Amino acid sequence: MEKKYPPRQQEQQQQKKPSGFSSAIPAVIEEVIGKTDTRGAITQVRCKVLDGPEKNKILRRNVKGPIREKDIIMLRETEIEARSLVQAKRGKKR
């Protein structure tokens, strides 16, 4: 006859932990504003939040990698907005 022991505390704690991913909020790209960074690797976009407490809010964000309109990106937070992209023209005096 086998004895049944209760599970260890470590095993119980591991079962309660999330899968390692933080919660993210989906947003759809509505407009590609322009390229930033010295090499043009970062793209500034306007996106509309699809879910969560900030639903339907339009944000300006910087995105790395290939992106186009109507793509869906996952945002870790929706409070901070990227600075506006200012493209100064060379040789123009202010």
PDB file of N, CA and C in Angstrom:
ATOM      1  N   MET A   1       0.844  -1.181   0.000  1.00  0.00           N
ATOM      2  CA  MET A   1       0.000   0.000   0.000  1.00  0.00           C
ATOM      3  C   MET A   1       0.891   1.248   0.000  1.00  0.00           C
ATOM      4  N   GLU A   2       0.663   2.144  -0.959  1.00  0.00           N
ATOM      5  CA  GLU A   2       1.464   3.364  -1.073  1.00  0.00           C
ATOM      6  C   GLU A   2       0.855   4.481  -0.241  1.00  0.00           C
ATOM      7  N   LYS A   3       1.742   5.261   0.372  1.00  0.00           N
ATOM      8  CA  LYS A   3       1.278   6.424   1.125  1.00  0.00           C
ATOM      9  C   LYS A   3       1.214   7.629   0.202  1.00  0.00           C
ATOM     10  N   LYS A   4       0.171   8.435   0.338  1.00  0.00           N
ATOM     11  CA  LYS A   4       0.016   9.646  -0.461  1.00  0.00           C
ATOM     12  C   LYS A   4       0.406  10.846   0.388  1.00  0.00           C
ATOM     13  N   TYR A   5       1.437  11.539  -0.073  1.00  0.00           N
ATOM     14  CA  TYR A   5       1.910  12.725   0.637  1.00  0.00           C
ATOM     15  C   TYR A   5       1.377  13.983  -0.045  1.00  0.00           C
ATOM     16  N   PRO A   6       1.132  15.048   0.723  1.00  0.00           N
ATOM     17  CA  PRO A   6       0.695  16.305   0.109  1.00  0.00           C
ATOM     18  C   PRO A   6       1.821  16.906  -0.737  1.00  0.00           C
ATOM     19  N   PRO A   7       1.497  17.675  -1.771  1.00  0.00           N
ATOM     20  CA  PRO A   7       2.541  18.263  -2.623  1.00  0.00           C
ATOM     21  C   PRO A   7       3.421  19.221  -1.831  1.00  0.00           C
ATOM     22  N   ARG A   8       4.651  19.368  -2.265  1.00  0.00           N
ATOM     23  CA  ARG A   8       5.589  20.254  -1.602  1.00  0.00           C
ATOM     24  C   ARG A   8       5.182  21.706  -1.794  1.00  0.00           C
ATOM     25  N   GLN A   9       5.660  22.562  -0.911  1.00  0.00           N
ATOM     26  CA  GLN A   9       5.328  23.987  -0.991  1.00  0.00           C
ATOM     27  C   GLN A   9       5.877  24.608  -2.276  1.00  0.00           C
ATOM     28  N   GLN A  10       7.059  24.183  -2.701  1.00  0.00           N
ATOM     29  CA  GLN A  10       7.646  24.728  -3.914  1.00  0.00           C
ATOM     30  C   GLN A  10       6.777  24.418  -5.128  1.00  0.00           C
ATOM     31  N   GLU A  11       6.269  23.223  -5.196  1.00  0.00           N
ATOM     32  CA  GLU A  11       5.423  22.848  -6.316  1.00  0.00           C
ATOM     33  C   GLU A  11       4.124  23.651  -6.317  1.00  0.00           C
ATOM     34  N   GLN A  12       3.590  23.932  -5.144  1.00  0.00           N
ATOM     35  CA  GLN A  12       2.376  24.739  -5.057  1.00  0.00           C
ATOM     36  C   GLN A  12       2.639  26.162  -5.528  1.00  0.00           C
ATOM     37  N   GLN A  13       3.797  26.733  -5.157  1.00  0.00           N
ATOM     38  CA  GLN A  13       4.129  28.091  -5.560  1.00  0.00           C
ATOM     39  C   GLN A  13       4.334  28.178  -7.061  1.00  0.00           C
ATOM     40  N   GLN A  14       4.936  27.153  -7.659  1.00  0.00           N
ATOM     41  CA  GLN A  14       5.154  27.161  -9.098  1.00  0.00           C
ATOM     42  C   GLN A  14       3.834  27.102  -9.859  1.00  0.00           C
ATOM     43  N   GLN A  15       2.846  26.435  -9.317  1.00  0.00           N
ATOM     44  CA  GLN A  15       1.561  26.351  -9.988  1.00  0.00           C
ATOM     45  C   GLN A  15       0.845  27.694  -9.987  1.00  0.00           C
ATOM     46  N   LYS A  16       1.075  28.535  -8.980  1.00  0.00           N
ATOM     47  CA  LYS A  16       0.406  29.819  -8.874  1.00  0.00           C
ATOM     48  C   LYS A  16       1.047  30.899  -9.734  1.00  0.00           C
ATOM     49  N   LYS A  17       2.310  30.719 -10.148  1.00  0.00           N
ATOM     50  CA  LYS A  17       3.020  31.728 -10.929  1.00  0.00           C
ATOM     51  C   LYS A  17       2.435  31.814 -12.329  1.00  0.00           C
ATOM     52  N   PRO A  18       2.419  33.027 -12.913  1.00  0.00           N
ATOM     53  CA  PRO A  18       1.979  33.151 -14.298  1.00  0.00           C
ATOM     54  C   PRO A  18       3.000  32.529 -15.240  1.00  0.00           C
ATOM     55  N   SER A  19       2.654  32.439 -16.493  1.00  0.00           N
ATOM     56  CA  SER A  19       3.498  31.740 -17.461  1.00  0.00           C
ATOM     57  C   SER A  19       4.772  32.496 -17.830  1.00  0.00           C
ATOM     58  N   GLY A  20       5.031  33.669 -17.256  1.00  0.00           N
ATOM     59  CA  GLY A  20       6.247  34.407 -17.546  1.00  0.00           C
ATOM     60  C   GLY A  20       6.011  35.618 -18.427  1.00  0.00           C
ATOM     61  N   PHE A  21       4.848  35.724 -19.023  1.00  0.00           N
ATOM     62  CA  PHE A  21       4.547  36.858 -19.872  1.00  0.00           C
ATOM     63  C   PHE A  21       3.731  37.872 -19.082  1.00  0.00           C
ATOM     64  N   SER A  22       4.075  39.127 -19.233  1.00  0.00           N
ATOM     65  CA  SER A  22       3.282  40.161 -18.578  1.00  0.00           C
ATOM     66  C   SER A  22       2.037  40.425 -19.420  1.00  0.00           C
ATOM     67  N   SER A  23       1.048  41.004 -18.823  1.00  0.00           N
ATOM     68  CA  SER A  23      -0.175  41.273 -19.567  1.00  0.00           C
ATOM     69  C   SER A  23       0.085  42.386 -20.580  1.00  0.00           C
ATOM     70  N   ALA A  24      -0.442  42.237 -21.759  1.00  0.00           N
ATOM     71  CA  ALA A  24      -0.256  43.212 -22.829  1.00  0.00           C
ATOM     72  C   ALA A  24      -1.618  43.585 -23.399  1.00  0.00           C
ATOM     73  N   ILE A  25      -1.693  44.790 -23.954  1.00  0.00           N
ATOM     74  CA  ILE A  25      -2.947  45.314 -24.481  1.00  0.00           C
ATOM     75  C   ILE A  25      -2.810  45.475 -25.993  1.00  0.00           C
ATOM     76  N   PRO A  26      -3.738  44.937 -26.772  1.00  0.00           N
ATOM     77  CA  PRO A  26      -3.621  45.056 -28.235  1.00  0.00           C
ATOM     78  C   PRO A  26      -3.984  46.451 -28.726  1.00  0.00           C
ATOM     79  N   ALA A  27      -3.290  46.874 -29.785  1.00  0.00           N
ATOM     80  CA  ALA A  27      -3.566  48.155 -30.430  1.00  0.00           C
ATOM     81  C   ALA A  27      -3.367  47.979 -31.930  1.00  0.00           C
ATOM     82  N   VAL A  28      -4.171  48.668 -32.713  1.00  0.00           N
ATOM     83  CA  VAL A  28      -4.083  48.570 -34.169  1.00  0.00           C
ATOM     84  C   VAL A  28      -3.414  49.842 -34.700  1.00  0.00           C
ATOM     85  N   ILE A  29      -2.522  49.675 -35.679  1.00  0.00           N
ATOM     86  CA  ILE A  29      -1.814  50.801 -36.284  1.00  0.00           C
ATOM     87  C   ILE A  29      -2.774  51.513 -37.227  1.00  0.00           C
ATOM     88  N   GLU A  30      -2.973  52.811 -36.994  1.00  0.00           N
ATOM     89  CA  GLU A  30      -3.849  53.597 -37.859  1.00  0.00           C
ATOM     90  C   GLU A  30      -3.077  54.444 -38.860  1.00  0.00           C
ATOM     91  N   GLU A  31      -1.868  54.894 -38.477  1.00  0.00           N
ATOM     92  CA  GLU A  31      -1.099  55.765 -39.362  1.00  0.00           C
ATOM     93  C   GLU A  31       0.385  55.588 -39.070  1.00  0.00           C
ATOM     94  N   VAL A  32       1.181  55.530 -40.118  1.00  0.00           N
ATOM     95  CA  VAL A  32       2.629  55.518 -39.978  1.00  0.00           C
ATOM     96  C   VAL A  32       3.081  56.962 -40.153  1.00  0.00           C
ATOM     97  N   ILE A  33       3.671  57.547 -39.096  1.00  0.00           N
ATOM     98  CA  ILE A  33       4.046  58.957 -39.115  1.00  0.00           C
ATOM     99  C   ILE A  33       5.390  59.158 -39.811  1.00  0.00           C
ATOM    100  N   GLY A  34       6.388  58.380 -39.447  1.00  0.00           N
ATOM    101  CA  GLY A  34       7.698  58.532 -40.081  1.00  0.00           C
ATOM    102  C   GLY A  34       8.756  57.724 -39.379  1.00  0.00           C
ATOM    103  N   LYS A  35       9.972  57.801 -39.927  1.00  0.00           N
ATOM    104  CA  LYS A  35      11.111  57.076 -39.372  1.00  0.00           C
ATOM    105  C   LYS A  35      11.858  57.966 -38.390  1.00  0.00           C
ATOM    106  N   THR A  36      12.376  57.356 -37.329  1.00  0.00           N
ATOM    107  CA  THR A  36      13.208  58.065 -36.366  1.00  0.00           C
ATOM    108  C   THR A  36      14.530  57.318 -36.249  1.00  0.00           C
ATOM    109  N   ASP A  37      15.380  57.708 -35.344  1.00  0.00           N
ATOM    110  CA  ASP A  37      16.674  57.088 -35.131  1.00  0.00           C
ATOM    111  C   ASP A  37      17.628  57.530 -36.244  1.00  0.00           C
ATOM    112  N   THR A  38      18.910  57.448 -35.982  1.00  0.00           N
ATOM    113  CA  THR A  38      19.900  57.896 -36.970  1.00  0.00           C
ATOM    114  C   THR A  38      19.910  57.020 -38.208  1.00  0.00           C
ATOM    115  N   ARG A  39      19.551  55.761 -38.067  1.00  0.00           N
ATOM    116  CA  ARG A  39      19.549  54.838 -39.206  1.00  0.00           C
ATOM    117  C   ARG A  39      18.153  54.566 -39.742  1.00  0.00           C
ATOM    118  N   GLY A  40      17.147  55.126 -39.127  1.00  0.00           N
ATOM    119  CA  GLY A  40      15.781  54.887 -39.576  1.00  0.00           C
ATOM    120  C   GLY A  40      15.230  53.549 -39.142  1.00  0.00           C
ATOM    121  N   ALA A  41      15.774  52.980 -38.074  1.00  0.00           N
ATOM    122  CA  ALA A  41      15.345  51.657 -37.618  1.00  0.00           C
ATOM    123  C   ALA A  41      14.046  51.713 -36.828  1.00  0.00           C
ATOM    124  N   ILE A  42      13.712  52.869 -36.277  1.00  0.00           N
ATOM    125  CA  ILE A  42      12.511  53.027 -35.458  1.00  0.00           C
ATOM    126  C   ILE A  42      11.457  53.774 -36.275  1.00  0.00           C
ATOM    127  N   THR A  43      10.228  53.295 -36.224  1.00  0.00           N
ATOM    128  CA  THR A  43       9.120  53.929 -36.936  1.00  0.00           C
ATOM    129  C   THR A  43       8.136  54.483 -35.920  1.00  0.00           C
ATOM    130  N   GLN A  44       7.751  55.738 -36.113  1.00  0.00           N
ATOM    131  CA  GLN A  44       6.750  56.319 -35.228  1.00  0.00           C
ATOM    132  C   GLN A  44       5.370  56.117 -35.856  1.00  0.00           C
ATOM    133  N   VAL A  45       4.431  55.617 -35.037  1.00  0.00           N
ATOM    134  CA  VAL A  45       3.093  55.295 -35.538  1.00  0.00           C
ATOM    135  C   VAL A  45       2.033  55.857 -34.604  1.00  0.00           C
ATOM    136  N   ARG A  46       0.842  55.995 -35.133  1.00  0.00           N
ATOM    137  CA  ARG A  46      -0.327  56.331 -34.343  1.00  0.00           C
ATOM    138  C   ARG A  46      -1.165  55.068 -34.250  1.00  0.00           C
ATOM    139  N   CYS A  47      -1.506  54.664 -33.019  1.00  0.00           N
ATOM    140  CA  CYS A  47      -2.251  53.421 -32.850  1.00  0.00           C
ATOM    141  C   CYS A  47      -3.453  53.640 -31.937  1.00  0.00           C
ATOM    142  N   LYS A  48      -4.456  52.811 -32.130  1.00  0.00           N
ATOM    143  CA  LYS A  48      -5.694  52.875 -31.351  1.00  0.00           C
ATOM    144  C   LYS A  48      -5.780  51.648 -30.457  1.00  0.00           C
ATOM    145  N   VAL A  49      -5.936  51.881 -29.166  1.00  0.00           N
ATOM    146  CA  VAL A  49      -6.001  50.796 -28.185  1.00  0.00           C
ATOM    147  C   VAL A  49      -7.322  50.058 -28.351  1.00  0.00           C
ATOM    148  N   LEU A  50      -7.262  48.724 -28.390  1.00  0.00           N
ATOM    149  CA  LEU A  50      -8.456  47.913 -28.647  1.00  0.00           C
ATOM    150  C   LEU A  50      -9.104  47.341 -27.394  1.00  0.00           C
ATOM    151  N   ASP A  51      -8.378  47.311 -26.278  1.00  0.00           N
ATOM    152  CA  ASP A  51      -8.900  46.626 -25.101  1.00  0.00           C
ATOM    153  C   ASP A  51      -8.373  47.303 -23.844  1.00  0.00           C
ATOM    154  N   GLY A  52      -8.970  46.981 -22.709  1.00  0.00           N
ATOM    155  CA  GLY A  52      -8.485  47.488 -21.430  1.00  0.00           C
ATOM    156  C   GLY A  52      -9.157  48.786 -21.019  1.00  0.00           C
ATOM    157  N   PRO A  53      -8.670  49.391 -19.941  1.00  0.00           N
ATOM    158  CA  PRO A  53      -9.297  50.616 -19.416  1.00  0.00           C
ATOM    159  C   PRO A  53      -9.133  51.819 -20.339  1.00  0.00           C
ATOM    160  N   GLU A  54      -8.122  51.807 -21.211  1.00  0.00           N
ATOM    161  CA  GLU A  54      -7.870  52.919 -22.132  1.00  0.00           C
ATOM    162  C   GLU A  54      -8.417  52.618 -23.530  1.00  0.00           C
ATOM    163  N   LYS A  55      -9.472  51.824 -23.618  1.00  0.00           N
ATOM    164  CA  LYS A  55     -10.027  51.409 -24.906  1.00  0.00           C
ATOM    165  C   LYS A  55     -10.382  52.622 -25.759  1.00  0.00           C
ATOM    166  N   ASN A  56     -10.083  52.547 -27.064  1.00  0.00           N
ATOM    167  CA  ASN A  56     -10.336  53.584 -28.078  1.00  0.00           C
ATOM    168  C   ASN A  56      -9.442  54.813 -27.942  1.00  0.00           C
ATOM    169  N   LYS A  57      -8.466  54.788 -27.062  1.00  0.00           N
ATOM    170  CA  LYS A  57      -7.524  55.896 -26.936  1.00  0.00           C
ATOM    171  C   LYS A  57      -6.509  55.805 -28.074  1.00  0.00           C
ATOM    172  N   ILE A  58      -6.164  56.947 -28.667  1.00  0.00           N
ATOM    173  CA  ILE A  58      -5.195  56.979 -29.751  1.00  0.00           C
ATOM    174  C   ILE A  58      -3.866  57.478 -29.197  1.00  0.00           C
ATOM    175  N   LEU A  59      -2.811  56.684 -29.420  1.00  0.00           N
ATOM    176  CA  LEU A  59      -1.485  56.983 -28.897  1.00  0.00           C
ATOM    177  C   LEU A  59      -0.476  57.090 -30.027  1.00  0.00           C
ATOM    178  N   ARG A  60       0.596  57.827 -29.767  1.00  0.00           N
ATOM    179  CA  ARG A  60       1.736  57.882 -30.677  1.00  0.00           C
ATOM    180  C   ARG A  60       2.836  57.040 -30.033  1.00  0.00           C
ATOM    181  N   ARG A  61       3.345  56.050 -30.750  1.00  0.00           N
ATOM    182  CA  ARG A  61       4.352  55.148 -30.193  1.00  0.00           C
ATOM    183  C   ARG A  61       5.495  54.950 -31.182  1.00  0.00           C
ATOM    184  N   ASN A  62       6.648  54.563 -30.654  1.00  0.00           N
ATOM    185  CA  ASN A  62       7.798  54.201 -31.472  1.00  0.00           C
ATOM    186  C   ASN A  62       7.860  52.683 -31.545  1.00  0.00           C
ATOM    187  N   VAL A  63       8.005  52.149 -32.765  1.00  0.00           N
ATOM    188  CA  VAL A  63       7.994  50.712 -32.990  1.00  0.00           C
ATOM    189  C   VAL A  63       9.269  50.327 -33.721  1.00  0.00           C
ATOM    190  N   LYS A  64       9.890  49.241 -33.282  1.00  0.00           N
ATOM    191  CA  LYS A  64      11.092  48.744 -33.931  1.00  0.00           C
ATOM    192  C   LYS A  64      10.721  47.575 -34.828  1.00  0.00           C
ATOM    193  N   GLY A  65      11.255  47.562 -36.018  1.00  0.00           N
ATOM    194  CA  GLY A  65      11.010  46.458 -36.934  1.00  0.00           C
ATOM    195  C   GLY A  65      10.007  46.835 -38.013  1.00  0.00           C
ATOM    196  N   PRO A  66       9.742  45.900 -38.913  1.00  0.00           N
ATOM    197  CA  PRO A  66       8.818  46.179 -40.008  1.00  0.00           C
ATOM    198  C   PRO A  66       7.381  46.340 -39.495  1.00  0.00           C
ATOM    199  N   ILE A  67       6.703  47.363 -39.965  1.00  0.00           N
ATOM    200  CA  ILE A  67       5.338  47.650 -39.505  1.00  0.00           C
ATOM    201  C   ILE A  67       4.579  48.344 -40.631  1.00  0.00           C
ATOM    202  N   ARG A  68       3.282  48.150 -40.691  1.00  0.00           N
ATOM    203  CA  ARG A  68       2.445  48.862 -41.667  1.00  0.00           C
ATOM    204  C   ARG A  68       1.065  49.079 -41.064  1.00  0.00           C
ATOM    205  N   GLU A  69       0.246  49.841 -41.752  1.00  0.00           N
ATOM    206  CA  GLU A  69      -1.097  50.151 -41.252  1.00  0.00           C
ATOM    207  C   GLU A  69      -1.925  48.876 -41.112  1.00  0.00           C
ATOM    208  N   LYS A  70      -2.796  48.888 -40.118  1.00  0.00           N
ATOM    209  CA  LYS A  70      -3.712  47.802 -39.784  1.00  0.00           C
ATOM    210  C   LYS A  70      -3.023  46.592 -39.150  1.00  0.00           C
ATOM    211  N   ASP A  71      -1.725  46.699 -38.844  1.00  0.00           N
ATOM    212  CA  ASP A  71      -1.062  45.663 -38.053  1.00  0.00           C
ATOM    213  C   ASP A  71      -1.496  45.809 -36.603  1.00  0.00           C
ATOM    214  N   ILE A  72      -1.458  44.732 -35.856  1.00  0.00           N
ATOM    215  CA  ILE A  72      -1.796  44.789 -34.439  1.00  0.00           C
ATOM    216  C   ILE A  72      -0.519  44.615 -33.634  1.00  0.00           C
ATOM    217  N   ILE A  73      -0.294  45.542 -32.712  1.00  0.00           N
ATOM    218  CA  ILE A  73       0.864  45.468 -31.825  1.00  0.00           C
ATOM    219  C   ILE A  73       0.355  45.271 -30.404  1.00  0.00           C
ATOM    220  N   MET A  74       1.197  44.718 -29.566  1.00  0.00           N
ATOM    221  CA  MET A  74       0.850  44.500 -28.165  1.00  0.00           C
ATOM    222  C   MET A  74       1.619  45.495 -27.310  1.00  0.00           C
ATOM    223  N   LEU A  75       0.901  46.304 -26.545  1.00  0.00           N
ATOM    224  CA  LEU A  75       1.505  47.336 -25.706  1.00  0.00           C
ATOM    225  C   LEU A  75       1.555  46.853 -24.265  1.00  0.00           C
ATOM    226  N   ARG A  76       2.690  47.053 -23.614  1.00  0.00           N
ATOM    227  CA  ARG A  76       2.799  46.693 -22.209  1.00  0.00           C
ATOM    228  C   ARG A  76       2.124  47.725 -21.327  1.00  0.00           C
ATOM    229  N   GLU A  77       2.126  48.974 -21.779  1.00  0.00           N
ATOM    230  CA  GLU A  77       1.453  50.031 -21.021  1.00  0.00           C
ATOM    231  C   GLU A  77       0.871  51.035 -22.003  1.00  0.00           C
ATOM    232  N   THR A  78      -0.159  51.766 -21.558  1.00  0.00           N
ATOM    233  CA  THR A  78      -0.836  52.715 -22.435  1.00  0.00           C
ATOM    234  C   THR A  78      -0.823  54.133 -21.869  1.00  0.00           C
ATOM    235  N   GLU A  79      -0.019  54.367 -20.851  1.00  0.00           N
ATOM    236  CA  GLU A  79       0.003  55.683 -20.214  1.00  0.00           C
ATOM    237  C   GLU A  79       0.970  56.647 -20.891  1.00  0.00           C
ATOM    238  N   ILE A  80       2.123  56.145 -21.326  1.00  0.00           N
ATOM    239  CA  ILE A  80       3.173  57.011 -21.865  1.00  0.00           C
ATOM    240  C   ILE A  80       3.058  57.091 -23.379  1.00  0.00           C
ATOM    241  N   GLU A  81       3.181  58.312 -23.906  1.00  0.00           N
ATOM    242  CA  GLU A  81       3.113  58.538 -25.341  1.00  0.00           C
ATOM    243  C   GLU A  81       4.473  59.040 -25.820  1.00  0.00           C
ATOM    244  N   ALA A  82       4.866  58.666 -27.022  1.00  0.00           N
ATOM    245  CA  ALA A  82       6.147  59.090 -27.577  1.00  0.00           C
ATOM    246  C   ALA A  82       6.109  60.572 -27.935  1.00  0.00           C
ATOM    247  N   ARG A  83       7.280  61.211 -27.912  1.00  0.00           N
ATOM    248  CA  ARG A  83       7.368  62.616 -28.324  1.00  0.00           C
ATOM    249  C   ARG A  83       7.062  62.732 -29.806  1.00  0.00           C
ATOM    250  N   SER A  84       6.548  63.883 -30.193  1.00  0.00           N
ATOM    251  CA  SER A  84       6.220  64.066 -31.602  1.00  0.00           C
ATOM    252  C   SER A  84       7.494  64.115 -32.427  1.00  0.00           C
ATOM    253  N   LEU A  85       7.407  63.616 -33.614  1.00  0.00           N
ATOM    254  CA  LEU A  85       8.541  63.551 -34.524  1.00  0.00           C
ATOM    255  C   LEU A  85       8.671  64.888 -35.226  1.00  0.00           C
ATOM    256  N   VAL A  86       9.780  65.587 -34.975  1.00  0.00           N
ATOM    257  CA  VAL A  86      10.011  66.893 -35.594  1.00  0.00           C
ATOM    258  C   VAL A  86      11.147  66.729 -36.580  1.00  0.00           C
ATOM    259  N   GLN A  87      10.855  66.965 -37.840  1.00  0.00           N
ATOM    260  CA  GLN A  87      11.873  66.860 -38.868  1.00  0.00           C
ATOM    261  C   GLN A  87      12.273  68.273 -39.285  1.00  0.00           C
ATOM    262  N   ALA A  88      13.387  68.753 -38.739  1.00  0.00           N
ATOM    263  CA  ALA A  88      13.871  70.087 -39.077  1.00  0.00           C
ATOM    264  C   ALA A  88      14.524  70.054 -40.448  1.00  0.00           C
ATOM    265  N   LYS A  89      14.264  71.088 -41.229  1.00  0.00           N
ATOM    266  CA  LYS A  89      14.868  71.177 -42.555  1.00  0.00           C
ATOM    267  C   LYS A  89      16.226  71.854 -42.431  1.00  0.00           C
ATOM    268  N   ARG A  90      17.189  71.305 -43.098  1.00  0.00           N
ATOM    269  CA  ARG A  90      18.556  71.831 -43.017  1.00  0.00           C
ATOM    270  C   ARG A  90      18.671  73.143 -43.767  1.00  0.00           C
ATOM    271  N   GLY A  91      19.444  74.060 -43.174  1.00  0.00           N
ATOM    272  CA  GLY A  91      19.721  75.335 -43.827  1.00  0.00           C
ATOM    273  C   GLY A  91      18.631  76.372 -43.651  1.00  0.00           C
ATOM    274  N   LYS A  92      17.571  76.032 -42.968  1.00  0.00           N
ATOM    275  CA  LYS A  92      16.479  76.981 -42.768  1.00  0.00           C
ATOM    276  C   LYS A  92      16.692  77.727 -41.472  1.00  0.00           C
ATOM    277  N   LYS A  93      16.694  79.070 -41.528  1.00  0.00           N
ATOM    278  CA  LYS A  93      16.891  79.880 -40.335  1.00  0.00           C
ATOM    279  C   LYS A  93      15.570  80.124 -39.647  1.00  0.00           C
ATOM    280  N   ARG A  94      15.629  80.162 -38.325  1.00  0.00           N
ATOM    281  CA  ARG A  94      14.409  80.412 -37.557  1.00  0.00           C
ATOM    282  C   ARG A  94      14.377  81.810 -37.036  1.00  0.00           C
TER     283      ARG A  94
END
